[in-house]
């Protein structure tokens, strides 16, 4: 099942629980795409990650230039090591961003007594009305 269908299923299940219960539940929505492009902390972390990627790229290119007679096997190993390094950099920064975003969303949810928060990005609209949009508050808190 793809991610959109999973999110829709989770949203439907959450809505059923919230609206089927005592009627007091609230649903919050965030536009993760907007947070990723507008939040100052995300921009800072993305710039740091880009710098580390460029640094790794330069080191890889310097190493390749310093060893032009490398065997095909060694070249393939160096490329694989480089790709692993890039994956590690990307994963580390993605984890930092997601962790910070989760903490901020949890704080705002508690403040506003929101029971369920879903990703309601423009490209994957799940709720068109009735949810409390906390996107701008998340962006402000992600300084």
Protein backbone atom coordinates (compact mmCIF):
# COMPACT_ATOMS: atom_id res chain seq x y z
CA UNK A 1 0.00 0.00 0.00
CA UNK A 2 1.51 3.34 -0.94
CA UNK A 3 2.05 6.19 1.51
CA UNK A 4 -0.96 8.23 0.36
CA UNK A 5 -3.32 5.33 0.90
CA UNK A 6 -1.79 4.65 4.32
CA UNK A 7 -2.17 8.27 5.35
CA UNK A 8 -5.76 8.29 4.15
CA UNK A 9 -6.49 5.10 6.09
CA UNK A 10 -4.89 6.49 9.25
CA UNK A 11 -6.81 9.76 8.86
CA UNK A 12 -10.10 7.93 8.38
CA UNK A 13 -9.42 5.69 11.36
CA UNK A 14 -8.45 8.68 13.51
CA UNK A 15 -11.50 10.62 12.42
CA UNK A 16 -13.69 7.64 13.25
CA UNK A 17 -12.20 7.42 16.72
CA UNK A 18 -12.45 11.15 17.32
CA UNK A 19 -15.95 11.66 15.96
CA UNK A 20 -17.28 8.32 17.15
CA UNK A 21 -16.21 8.99 20.72
CA UNK A 22 -17.40 11.74 22.98
CA UNK A 23 -17.44 14.38 20.24
CA UNK A 24 -14.75 16.45 21.92
CA UNK A 25 -11.78 15.34 19.80
CA UNK A 26 -9.96 17.71 17.51
CA UNK A 27 -7.94 17.02 14.40
CA UNK A 28 -4.90 19.07 13.54
CA UNK A 29 -3.28 19.33 10.15
CA UNK A 30 0.20 20.30 9.02
CA UNK A 31 1.61 20.92 5.57
CA UNK A 32 4.95 19.14 5.86
CA UNK A 33 6.03 20.35 2.40
CA UNK A 34 5.53 23.98 3.48
CA UNK A 35 7.41 23.37 6.73
CA UNK A 36 10.31 21.84 4.79
CA UNK A 37 10.56 24.92 2.55
CA UNK A 38 9.72 27.72 5.00
CA UNK A 39 10.99 26.78 8.47
CA UNK A 40 14.24 28.61 9.35
CA UNK A 41 15.70 25.64 11.25
CA UNK A 42 15.05 23.31 8.34
CA UNK A 43 16.73 25.76 5.95
CA UNK A 44 19.77 25.91 8.24
CA UNK A 45 20.04 22.14 8.53
CA UNK A 46 19.57 21.70 4.78
CA UNK A 47 22.38 24.20 4.12
CA UNK A 48 24.63 22.32 6.56
CA UNK A 49 23.83 19.03 4.85
CA UNK A 50 24.51 20.53 1.43
CA UNK A 51 27.89 21.78 2.68
CA UNK A 52 28.81 18.33 3.97
CA UNK A 53 27.73 16.74 0.68
CA UNK A 54 29.87 19.20 -1.30
CA UNK A 55 32.80 18.54 1.01
CA UNK A 56 32.43 14.78 0.54
CA UNK A 57 32.12 15.26 -3.24
CA UNK A 58 35.34 17.29 -3.34
CA UNK A 59 37.17 14.70 -1.28
CA UNK A 60 35.92 11.92 -3.54
CA UNK A 61 37.00 13.81 -6.67
CA UNK A 62 40.43 14.60 -5.18
CA UNK A 63 40.90 10.95 -4.25
CA UNK A 64 39.89 9.85 -7.76
CA UNK A 65 42.33 12.36 -9.32
CA UNK A 66 45.14 11.24 -7.02
CA UNK A 67 44.64 7.58 -7.97
CA UNK A 68 44.02 7.53 -11.75
CA UNK A 69 45.42 4.00 -12.13
CA UNK A 70 42.93 2.43 -9.75
CA UNK A 71 41.41 -0.87 -10.81
CA UNK A 72 37.76 -1.05 -11.78
CA UNK A 73 37.08 -2.97 -8.58
CA UNK A 74 38.72 -0.28 -6.43
CA UNK A 75 36.88 2.44 -8.32
CA UNK A 76 33.56 0.68 -7.75
CA UNK A 77 34.38 0.26 -4.05
CA UNK A 78 35.27 3.96 -3.75
CA UNK A 79 32.01 4.92 -5.45
CA UNK A 80 30.04 2.65 -3.14
CA UNK A 81 31.79 4.12 -0.09
CA UNK A 82 31.04 7.61 -1.36
CA UNK A 83 27.36 6.76 -1.89
CA UNK A 84 27.17 5.30 1.62
CA UNK A 85 28.68 8.48 3.01
CA UNK A 86 26.11 10.60 1.16
CA UNK A 87 23.30 8.37 2.39
CA UNK A 88 24.59 8.70 5.95
CA UNK A 89 24.71 12.50 5.71
CA UNK A 90 21.21 12.67 4.26
CA UNK A 91 19.83 10.25 6.84
CA UNK A 92 21.41 12.10 9.76
CA UNK A 93 19.98 15.45 8.71
CA UNK A 94 16.58 14.01 7.80
CA UNK A 95 16.41 12.43 11.26
CA UNK A 96 17.30 15.75 12.93
CA UNK A 97 14.66 17.62 10.95
CA UNK A 98 11.95 15.03 11.54
CA UNK A 99 12.77 14.77 15.24
CA UNK A 100 12.56 18.53 15.73
CA UNK A 101 9.34 18.74 13.73
CA UNK A 102 7.78 15.95 15.81
CA UNK A 103 8.69 17.70 19.07
CA UNK A 104 7.20 21.01 17.90
CA UNK A 105 4.02 19.38 16.59
CA UNK A 106 3.60 17.54 19.89
CA UNK A 107 4.04 20.78 21.87
CA UNK A 108 1.48 22.65 19.78
CA UNK A 109 -0.93 19.70 19.92
CA UNK A 110 -0.80 19.70 23.71
CA UNK A 111 -1.28 23.48 23.87
CA UNK A 112 -4.34 23.34 21.59
CA UNK A 113 -5.74 20.03 22.92
CA UNK A 114 -5.50 18.41 19.51
CA UNK A 115 -5.95 14.65 19.56
CA UNK A 116 -4.72 13.75 16.07
CA UNK A 117 -2.36 15.57 13.70
CA UNK A 118 -2.07 14.50 10.08
CA UNK A 119 0.02 15.57 7.13
CA UNK A 120 -2.29 17.62 4.94
CA UNK A 121 0.18 18.83 2.31
CA UNK A 122 -1.21 20.47 -0.80
CA UNK A 123 -0.07 17.51 -2.88
CA UNK A 124 -1.75 14.99 -0.55
CA UNK A 125 -4.89 16.72 0.76
CA UNK A 126 -6.74 14.48 3.19
CA UNK A 127 -8.92 16.99 5.01
CA UNK A 128 -10.44 19.99 3.28
CA UNK A 129 -12.27 21.51 6.23
CA UNK A 130 -12.75 21.03 9.92
CA UNK A 131 -9.12 20.48 10.92
CA UNK A 132 -7.01 22.99 12.83
CA UNK A 133 -4.09 23.97 10.60
CA UNK A 134 -0.99 24.36 12.76
CA UNK A 135 1.53 24.65 9.91
CA UNK A 136 2.41 28.32 10.48
CA UNK A 137 2.84 27.77 14.22
CA UNK A 138 5.18 24.85 13.57
CA UNK A 139 7.23 27.01 11.19
CA UNK A 140 7.48 29.81 13.78
CA UNK A 141 8.62 27.40 16.51
CA UNK A 142 11.21 25.77 14.27
CA UNK A 143 13.68 28.60 14.67
